[in-house]
Amino acid sequence: MFLAILVVAILLIVVSIGSLRLTGDLESKEKRKAELEAQIEAEQERAEQLEEYEKYVQTDQFKEKMAREKLGMVKDGEIVFENEDSR
């Protein structure tokens, strides 16, 4: 009878240790899952921003802005004022 109780106690200890280890693994995997879901959400937001920027780049407003900034172009009849310091 004592041997049976001892075997049951040992099995109970082994199962408890295994359960604790699996619980720890589960918690770490759930944390990693939450991190990955947050990363996916951030990447989806970035993709949306890039799509909006792609649409903006194709507009006349963007083309005009780049022509003014990069090429120094002006519209007909426009007066350009320059700083004396920038010369």
PDB file of N, CA and C in Angstrom:
ATOM      1  N   MET A   1       0.825  -1.184   0.000  1.00  0.00           N
ATOM      2  CA  MET A   1       0.000   0.000   0.000  1.00  0.00           C
ATOM      3  C   MET A   1       0.881   1.264   0.000  1.00  0.00           C
ATOM      4  N   PHE A   2       1.926   1.246   0.808  1.00  0.00           N
ATOM      5  CA  PHE A   2       2.837   2.396   0.881  1.00  0.00           C
ATOM      6  C   PHE A   2       3.475   2.656  -0.477  1.00  0.00           C
ATOM      7  N   LEU A   3       3.849   1.591  -1.183  1.00  0.00           N
ATOM      8  CA  LEU A   3       4.480   1.714  -2.495  1.00  0.00           C
ATOM      9  C   LEU A   3       3.516   2.362  -3.504  1.00  0.00           C
ATOM     10  N   ALA A   4       2.253   2.004  -3.453  1.00  0.00           N
ATOM     11  CA  ALA A   4       1.250   2.569  -4.358  1.00  0.00           C
ATOM     12  C   ALA A   4       1.094   4.070  -4.087  1.00  0.00           C
ATOM     13  N   ILE A   5       1.059   4.462  -2.831  1.00  0.00           N
ATOM     14  CA  ILE A   5       0.937   5.876  -2.462  1.00  0.00           C
ATOM     15  C   ILE A   5       2.174   6.642  -2.920  1.00  0.00           C
ATOM     16  N   LEU A   6       3.334   6.046  -2.758  1.00  0.00           N
ATOM     17  CA  LEU A   6       4.582   6.670  -3.184  1.00  0.00           C
ATOM     18  C   LEU A   6       4.603   6.872  -4.698  1.00  0.00           C
ATOM     19  N   VAL A   7       4.183   5.877  -5.460  1.00  0.00           N
ATOM     20  CA  VAL A   7       4.136   5.977  -6.919  1.00  0.00           C
ATOM     21  C   VAL A   7       3.151   7.062  -7.342  1.00  0.00           C
ATOM     22  N   VAL A   8       1.991   7.117  -6.715  1.00  0.00           N
ATOM     23  CA  VAL A   8       0.983   8.134  -7.024  1.00  0.00           C
ATOM     24  C   VAL A   8       1.530   9.520  -6.691  1.00  0.00           C
ATOM     25  N   ALA A   9       2.204   9.666  -5.572  1.00  0.00           N
ATOM     26  CA  ALA A   9       2.776  10.957  -5.176  1.00  0.00           C
ATOM     27  C   ALA A   9       3.845  11.397  -6.184  1.00  0.00           C
ATOM     28  N   ILE A  10       4.686  10.475  -6.609  1.00  0.00           N
ATOM     29  CA  ILE A  10       5.730  10.803  -7.595  1.00  0.00           C
ATOM     30  C   ILE A  10       5.085  11.216  -8.915  1.00  0.00           C
ATOM     31  N   LEU A  11       4.077  10.469  -9.353  1.00  0.00           N
ATOM     32  CA  LEU A  11       3.374  10.829 -10.580  1.00  0.00           C
ATOM     33  C   LEU A  11       2.717  12.203 -10.452  1.00  0.00           C
ATOM     34  N   LEU A  12       2.149  12.489  -9.303  1.00  0.00           N
ATOM     35  CA  LEU A  12       1.520  13.785  -9.075  1.00  0.00           C
ATOM     36  C   LEU A  12       2.554  14.912  -9.150  1.00  0.00           C
ATOM     37  N   ILE A  13       3.715  14.700  -8.593  1.00  0.00           N
ATOM     38  CA  ILE A  13       4.794  15.695  -8.637  1.00  0.00           C
ATOM     39  C   ILE A  13       5.264  15.898 -10.081  1.00  0.00           C
ATOM     40  N   VAL A  14       5.455  14.824 -10.830  1.00  0.00           N
ATOM     41  CA  VAL A  14       5.912  14.922 -12.216  1.00  0.00           C
ATOM     42  C   VAL A  14       4.884  15.659 -13.066  1.00  0.00           C
ATOM     43  N   VAL A  15       3.617  15.320 -12.880  1.00  0.00           N
ATOM     44  CA  VAL A  15       2.557  15.981 -13.648  1.00  0.00           C
ATOM     45  C   VAL A  15       2.475  17.464 -13.271  1.00  0.00           C
ATOM     46  N   SER A  16       2.634  17.790 -12.001  1.00  0.00           N
ATOM     47  CA  SER A  16       2.592  19.187 -11.564  1.00  0.00           C
ATOM     48  C   SER A  16       3.734  19.994 -12.168  1.00  0.00           C
ATOM     49  N   ILE A  17       4.932  19.438 -12.163  1.00  0.00           N
ATOM     50  CA  ILE A  17       6.091  20.120 -12.746  1.00  0.00           C
ATOM     51  C   ILE A  17       5.873  20.332 -14.248  1.00  0.00           C
ATOM     52  N   GLY A  18       5.401  19.307 -14.927  1.00  0.00           N
ATOM     53  CA  GLY A  18       5.117  19.428 -16.360  1.00  0.00           C
ATOM     54  C   GLY A  18       4.050  20.479 -16.632  1.00  0.00           C
ATOM     55  N   SER A  19       3.049  20.522 -15.783  1.00  0.00           N
ATOM     56  CA  SER A  19       1.979  21.498 -15.943  1.00  0.00           C
ATOM     57  C   SER A  19       2.495  22.919 -15.762  1.00  0.00           C
ATOM     58  N   LEU A  20       3.342  23.125 -14.772  1.00  0.00           N
ATOM     59  CA  LEU A  20       3.918  24.447 -14.542  1.00  0.00           C
ATOM     60  C   LEU A  20       4.774  24.887 -15.723  1.00  0.00           C
ATOM     61  N   ARG A  21       5.545  23.967 -16.258  1.00  0.00           N
ATOM     62  CA  ARG A  21       6.396  24.288 -17.395  1.00  0.00           C
ATOM     63  C   ARG A  21       5.555  24.630 -18.620  1.00  0.00           C
ATOM     64  N   LEU A  22       4.507  23.860 -18.863  1.00  0.00           N
ATOM     65  CA  LEU A  22       3.634  24.126 -20.002  1.00  0.00           C
ATOM     66  C   LEU A  22       2.885  25.446 -19.833  1.00  0.00           C
ATOM     67  N   THR A  23       2.512  25.768 -18.616  1.00  0.00           N
ATOM     68  CA  THR A  23       1.841  27.043 -18.351  1.00  0.00           C
ATOM     69  C   THR A  23       2.776  28.205 -18.665  1.00  0.00           C
ATOM     70  N   GLY A  24       4.034  28.080 -18.268  1.00  0.00           N
ATOM     71  CA  GLY A  24       5.026  29.116 -18.573  1.00  0.00           C
ATOM     72  C   GLY A  24       5.238  29.257 -20.069  1.00  0.00           C
ATOM     73  N   ASP A  25       5.315  28.131 -20.765  1.00  0.00           N
ATOM     74  CA  ASP A  25       5.465  28.165 -22.221  1.00  0.00           C
ATOM     75  C   ASP A  25       4.259  28.827 -22.880  1.00  0.00           C
ATOM     76  N   LEU A  26       3.084  28.506 -22.387  1.00  0.00           N
ATOM     77  CA  LEU A  26       1.860  29.082 -22.937  1.00  0.00           C
ATOM     78  C   LEU A  26       1.839  30.604 -22.755  1.00  0.00           C
ATOM     79  N   GLU A  27       2.217  31.057 -21.575  1.00  0.00           N
ATOM     80  CA  GLU A  27       2.249  32.499 -21.312  1.00  0.00           C
ATOM     81  C   GLU A  27       3.239  33.212 -22.230  1.00  0.00           C
ATOM     82  N   SER A  28       4.410  32.625 -22.427  1.00  0.00           N
ATOM     83  CA  SER A  28       5.400  33.267 -23.292  1.00  0.00           C
ATOM     84  C   SER A  28       4.925  33.273 -24.754  1.00  0.00           C
ATOM     85  N   LYS A  29       4.251  32.212 -25.173  1.00  0.00           N
ATOM     86  CA  LYS A  29       3.739  32.166 -26.543  1.00  0.00           C
ATOM     87  C   LYS A  29       2.604  33.176 -26.732  1.00  0.00           C
ATOM     88  N   GLU A  30       1.751  33.351 -25.716  1.00  0.00           N
ATOM     89  CA  GLU A  30       0.674  34.337 -25.803  1.00  0.00           C
ATOM     90  C   GLU A  30       1.237  35.751 -25.858  1.00  0.00           C
ATOM     91  N   LYS A  31       2.296  35.992 -25.109  1.00  0.00           N
ATOM     92  CA  LYS A  31       2.942  37.306 -25.145  1.00  0.00           C
ATOM     93  C   LYS A  31       3.533  37.560 -26.524  1.00  0.00           C
ATOM     94  N   ARG A  32       4.195  36.571 -27.088  1.00  0.00           N
ATOM     95  CA  ARG A  32       4.786  36.699 -28.422  1.00  0.00           C
ATOM     96  C   ARG A  32       3.698  36.925 -29.471  1.00  0.00           C
ATOM     97  N   LYS A  33       2.570  36.224 -29.310  1.00  0.00           N
ATOM     98  CA  LYS A  33       1.447  36.389 -30.225  1.00  0.00           C
ATOM     99  C   LYS A  33       0.924  37.822 -30.181  1.00  0.00           C
ATOM    100  N   ALA A  34       0.793  38.391 -28.986  1.00  0.00           N
ATOM    101  CA  ALA A  34       0.321  39.767 -28.837  1.00  0.00           C
ATOM    102  C   ALA A  34       1.300  40.747 -29.493  1.00  0.00           C
ATOM    103  N   GLU A  35       2.590  40.510 -29.315  1.00  0.00           N
ATOM    104  CA  GLU A  35       3.604  41.360 -29.943  1.00  0.00           C
ATOM    105  C   GLU A  35       3.507  41.300 -31.469  1.00  0.00           C
ATOM    106  N   LEU A  36       3.339  40.102 -32.001  1.00  0.00           N
ATOM    107  CA  LEU A  36       3.241  39.941 -33.452  1.00  0.00           C
ATOM    108  C   LEU A  36       1.964  40.571 -34.004  1.00  0.00           C
ATOM    109  N   GLU A  37       0.864  40.468 -33.253  1.00  0.00           N
ATOM    110  CA  GLU A  37      -0.382  41.094 -33.692  1.00  0.00           C
ATOM    111  C   GLU A  37      -0.238  42.611 -33.712  1.00  0.00           C
ATOM    112  N   ALA A  38       0.448  43.173 -32.724  1.00  0.00           N
ATOM    113  CA  ALA A  38       0.687  44.617 -32.699  1.00  0.00           C
ATOM    114  C   ALA A  38       1.563  45.023 -33.877  1.00  0.00           C
ATOM    115  N   GLN A  39       2.548  44.214 -34.191  1.00  0.00           N
ATOM    116  CA  GLN A  39       3.430  44.495 -35.321  1.00  0.00           C
ATOM    117  C   GLN A  39       2.658  44.421 -36.637  1.00  0.00           C
ATOM    118  N   ILE A  40       1.774  43.451 -36.762  1.00  0.00           N
ATOM    119  CA  ILE A  40       0.950  43.335 -37.970  1.00  0.00           C
ATOM    120  C   ILE A  40       0.078  44.571 -38.130  1.00  0.00           C
ATOM    121  N   GLU A  41      -0.525  45.026 -37.043  1.00  0.00           N
ATOM    122  CA  GLU A  41      -1.373  46.217 -37.087  1.00  0.00           C
ATOM    123  C   GLU A  41      -0.568  47.449 -37.508  1.00  0.00           C
ATOM    124  N   ALA A  42       0.634  47.586 -36.964  1.00  0.00           N
ATOM    125  CA  ALA A  42       1.487  48.726 -37.324  1.00  0.00           C
ATOM    126  C   ALA A  42       1.865  48.666 -38.804  1.00  0.00           C
ATOM    127  N   GLU A  43       2.153  47.486 -39.305  1.00  0.00           N
ATOM    128  CA  GLU A  43       2.519  47.339 -40.712  1.00  0.00           C
ATOM    129  C   GLU A  43       1.328  47.607 -41.630  1.00  0.00           C
ATOM    130  N   GLN A  44       0.137  47.236 -41.193  1.00  0.00           N
ATOM    131  CA  GLN A  44      -1.057  47.519 -41.981  1.00  0.00           C
ATOM    132  C   GLN A  44      -1.302  49.025 -42.058  1.00  0.00           C
ATOM    133  N   GLU A  45      -1.103  49.726 -40.942  1.00  0.00           N
ATOM    134  CA  GLU A  45      -1.248  51.182 -40.938  1.00  0.00           C
ATOM    135  C   GLU A  45      -0.214  51.817 -41.869  1.00  0.00           C
ATOM    136  N   ARG A  46       1.005  51.307 -41.836  1.00  0.00           N
ATOM    137  CA  ARG A  46       2.057  51.825 -42.712  1.00  0.00           C
ATOM    138  C   ARG A  46       1.703  51.586 -44.179  1.00  0.00           C
ATOM    139  N   ALA A  47       1.152  50.433 -44.476  1.00  0.00           N
ATOM    140  CA  ALA A  47       0.747  50.125 -45.846  1.00  0.00           C
ATOM    141  C   ALA A  47      -0.345  51.093 -46.308  1.00  0.00           C
ATOM    142  N   GLU A  48      -1.281  51.406 -45.426  1.00  0.00           N
ATOM    143  CA  GLU A  48      -2.335  52.366 -45.768  1.00  0.00           C
ATOM    144  C   GLU A  48      -1.743  53.750 -46.034  1.00  0.00           C
ATOM    145  N   GLN A  49      -0.788  54.161 -45.202  1.00  0.00           N
ATOM    146  CA  GLN A  49      -0.139  55.453 -45.401  1.00  0.00           C
ATOM    147  C   GLN A  49       0.599  55.492 -46.739  1.00  0.00           C
ATOM    148  N   LEU A  50       1.263  54.408 -47.080  1.00  0.00           N
ATOM    149  CA  LEU A  50       1.979  54.349 -48.357  1.00  0.00           C
ATOM    150  C   LEU A  50       1.018  54.405 -49.543  1.00  0.00           C
ATOM    151  N   GLU A  51      -0.131  53.764 -49.410  1.00  0.00           N
ATOM    152  CA  GLU A  51      -1.125  53.815 -50.475  1.00  0.00           C
ATOM    153  C   GLU A  51      -1.642  55.249 -50.656  1.00  0.00           C
ATOM    154  N   GLU A  52      -1.891  55.937 -49.538  1.00  0.00           N
ATOM    155  CA  GLU A  52      -2.336  57.328 -49.605  1.00  0.00           C
ATOM    156  C   GLU A  52      -1.256  58.209 -50.237  1.00  0.00           C
ATOM    157  N   TYR A  53      -0.006  57.977 -49.864  1.00  0.00           N
ATOM    158  CA  TYR A  53       1.088  58.764 -50.427  1.00  0.00           C
ATOM    159  C   TYR A  53       1.226  58.487 -51.926  1.00  0.00           C
ATOM    160  N   GLU A  54       1.048  57.235 -52.326  1.00  0.00           N
ATOM    161  CA  GLU A  54       1.124  56.884 -53.739  1.00  0.00           C
ATOM    162  C   GLU A  54       0.051  57.642 -54.532  1.00  0.00           C
ATOM    163  N   LYS A  55      -1.148  57.732 -53.975  1.00  0.00           N
ATOM    164  CA  LYS A  55      -2.216  58.485 -54.640  1.00  0.00           C
ATOM    165  C   LYS A  55      -1.858  59.970 -54.716  1.00  0.00           C
ATOM    166  N   TYR A  56      -1.289  60.510 -53.629  1.00  0.00           N
ATOM    167  CA  TYR A  56      -0.914  61.921 -53.587  1.00  0.00           C
ATOM    168  C   TYR A  56       0.181  62.235 -54.613  1.00  0.00           C
ATOM    169  N   VAL A  57       1.128  61.351 -54.763  1.00  0.00           N
ATOM    170  CA  VAL A  57       2.247  61.553 -55.690  1.00  0.00           C
ATOM    171  C   VAL A  57       1.742  61.676 -57.132  1.00  0.00           C
ATOM    172  N   GLN A  58       0.622  61.069 -57.421  1.00  0.00           N
ATOM    173  CA  GLN A  58       0.083  61.098 -58.776  1.00  0.00           C
ATOM    174  C   GLN A  58      -0.775  62.339 -59.061  1.00  0.00           C
ATOM    175  N   THR A  59      -0.963  63.206 -58.058  1.00  0.00           N
ATOM    176  CA  THR A  59      -1.807  64.385 -58.247  1.00  0.00           C
ATOM    177  C   THR A  59      -1.013  65.534 -58.857  1.00  0.00           C
ATOM    178  N   ASP A  60      -1.745  66.465 -59.470  1.00  0.00           N
ATOM    179  CA  ASP A  60      -1.123  67.664 -60.025  1.00  0.00           C
ATOM    180  C   ASP A  60      -0.539  68.537 -58.917  1.00  0.00           C
ATOM    181  N   GLN A  61      -1.177  68.515 -57.752  1.00  0.00           N
ATOM    182  CA  GLN A  61      -0.695  69.310 -56.616  1.00  0.00           C
ATOM    183  C   GLN A  61       0.730  68.891 -56.236  1.00  0.00           C
ATOM    184  N   PHE A  62       0.986  67.604 -56.191  1.00  0.00           N
ATOM    185  CA  PHE A  62       2.319  67.106 -55.861  1.00  0.00           C
ATOM    186  C   PHE A  62       3.320  67.498 -56.944  1.00  0.00           C
ATOM    187  N   LYS A  63       2.924  67.333 -58.201  1.00  0.00           N
ATOM    188  CA  LYS A  63       3.820  67.660 -59.311  1.00  0.00           C
ATOM    189  C   LYS A  63       4.190  69.143 -59.285  1.00  0.00           C
ATOM    190  N   GLU A  64       3.199  69.992 -58.997  1.00  0.00           N
ATOM    191  CA  GLU A  64       3.470  71.424 -58.924  1.00  0.00           C
ATOM    192  C   GLU A  64       4.409  71.740 -57.766  1.00  0.00           C
ATOM    193  N   LYS A  65       4.179  71.117 -56.632  1.00  0.00           N
ATOM    194  CA  LYS A  65       5.028  71.333 -55.454  1.00  0.00           C
ATOM    195  C   LYS A  65       6.476  70.947 -55.755  1.00  0.00           C
ATOM    196  N   MET A  66       6.681  69.801 -56.389  1.00  0.00           N
ATOM    197  CA  MET A  66       8.038  69.347 -56.705  1.00  0.00           C
ATOM    198  C   MET A  66       8.694  70.274 -57.733  1.00  0.00           C
ATOM    199  N   ALA A  67       7.907  70.736 -58.713  1.00  0.00           N
ATOM    200  CA  ALA A  67       8.457  71.646 -59.720  1.00  0.00           C
ATOM    201  C   ALA A  67       8.914  72.941 -59.060  1.00  0.00           C
ATOM    202  N   ARG A  68       8.158  73.414 -58.098  1.00  0.00           N
ATOM    203  CA  ARG A  68       8.532  74.649 -57.405  1.00  0.00           C
ATOM    204  C   ARG A  68       9.760  74.431 -56.507  1.00  0.00           C
ATOM    205  N   GLU A  69       9.731  73.349 -55.730  1.00  0.00           N
ATOM    206  CA  GLU A  69      10.807  73.122 -54.749  1.00  0.00           C
ATOM    207  C   GLU A  69      12.106  72.670 -55.409  1.00  0.00           C
ATOM    208  N   LYS A  70      12.026  71.696 -56.269  1.00  0.00           N
ATOM    209  CA  LYS A  70      13.240  71.081 -56.808  1.00  0.00           C
ATOM    210  C   LYS A  70      13.787  71.813 -58.031  1.00  0.00           C
ATOM    211  N   LEU A  71      12.874  72.334 -58.861  1.00  0.00           N
ATOM    212  CA  LEU A  71      13.307  72.943 -60.113  1.00  0.00           C
ATOM    213  C   LEU A  71      13.241  74.467 -60.093  1.00  0.00           C
ATOM    214  N   GLY A  72      12.650  75.036 -59.041  1.00  0.00           N
ATOM    215  CA  GLY A  72      12.559  76.482 -58.940  1.00  0.00           C
ATOM    216  C   GLY A  72      11.610  77.094 -59.953  1.00  0.00           C
ATOM    217  N   MET A  73      10.674  76.345 -60.457  1.00  0.00           N
ATOM    218  CA  MET A  73       9.747  76.840 -61.476  1.00  0.00           C
ATOM    219  C   MET A  73       8.656  77.696 -60.836  1.00  0.00           C
ATOM    220  N   VAL A  74       8.125  78.633 -61.618  1.00  0.00           N
ATOM    221  CA  VAL A  74       7.035  79.501 -61.161  1.00  0.00           C
ATOM    222  C   VAL A  74       5.979  79.561 -62.258  1.00  0.00           C
ATOM    223  N   LYS A  75       4.774  79.962 -61.876  1.00  0.00           N
ATOM    224  CA  LYS A  75       3.691  80.122 -62.842  1.00  0.00           C
ATOM    225  C   LYS A  75       3.864  81.440 -63.580  1.00  0.00           C
ATOM    226  N   ASP A  76       3.271  81.526 -64.765  1.00  0.00           N
ATOM    227  CA  ASP A  76       3.307  82.767 -65.541  1.00  0.00           C
ATOM    228  C   ASP A  76       2.654  83.891 -64.743  1.00  0.00           C
ATOM    229  N   GLY A  77       3.308  85.049 -64.707  1.00  0.00           N
ATOM    230  CA  GLY A  77       2.773  86.212 -64.023  1.00  0.00           C
ATOM    231  C   GLY A  77       3.043  86.235 -62.536  1.00  0.00           C
ATOM    232  N   GLU A  78       3.683  85.211 -61.995  1.00  0.00           N
ATOM    233  CA  GLU A  78       4.002  85.173 -60.572  1.00  0.00           C
ATOM    234  C   GLU A  78       5.239  85.993 -60.296  1.00  0.00           C
ATOM    235  N   ILE A  79       5.261  86.644 -59.156  1.00  0.00           N
ATOM    236  CA  ILE A  79       6.425  87.426 -58.751  1.00  0.00           C
ATOM    237  C   ILE A  79       7.154  86.632 -57.672  1.00  0.00           C
ATOM    238  N   VAL A  80       8.445  86.474 -57.849  1.00  0.00           N
ATOM    239  CA  VAL A  80       9.246  85.706 -56.901  1.00  0.00           C
ATOM    240  C   VAL A  80      10.085  86.670 -56.081  1.00  0.00           C
ATOM    241  N   PHE A  81       9.987  86.568 -54.785  1.00  0.00           N
ATOM    242  CA  PHE A  81      10.790  87.362 -53.883  1.00  0.00           C
ATOM    243  C   PHE A  81      11.898  86.495 -53.323  1.00  0.00           C
ATOM    244  N   GLU A  82      13.123  87.014 -53.330  1.00  0.00           N
ATOM    245  CA  GLU A  82      14.251  86.257 -52.818  1.00  0.00           C
ATOM    246  C   GLU A  82      14.891  87.032 -51.682  1.00  0.00           C
ATOM    247  N   ASN A  83      15.418  86.324 -50.749  1.00  0.00           N
ATOM    248  CA  ASN A  83      16.186  86.890 -49.651  1.00  0.00           C
ATOM    249  C   ASN A  83      17.552  87.290 -50.177  1.00  0.00           C
ATOM    250  N   GLU A  84      18.067  88.412 -49.720  1.00  0.00           N
ATOM    251  CA  GLU A  84      19.420  88.793 -50.125  1.00  0.00           C
ATOM    252  C   GLU A  84      20.452  87.860 -49.485  1.00  0.00           C
ATOM    253  N   ASP A  85      20.123  87.310 -48.344  1.00  0.00           N
ATOM    254  CA  ASP A  85      21.017  86.388 -47.648  1.00  0.00           C
ATOM    255  C   ASP A  85      21.162  85.072 -48.377  1.00  0.00           C
ATOM    256  N   SER A  86      20.164  84.683 -49.156  1.00  0.00           N
ATOM    257  CA  SER A  86      20.206  83.379 -49.822  1.00  0.00           C
ATOM    258  C   SER A  86      21.029  83.386 -51.092  1.00  0.00           C
ATOM    259  N   ARG A  87      21.486  84.539 -51.527  1.00  0.00           N
ATOM    260  CA  ARG A  87      22.258  84.624 -52.763  1.00  0.00           C
ATOM    261  C   ARG A  87      23.657  84.194 -52.589  1.00  0.00           C
TER     262      ARG A  87
END
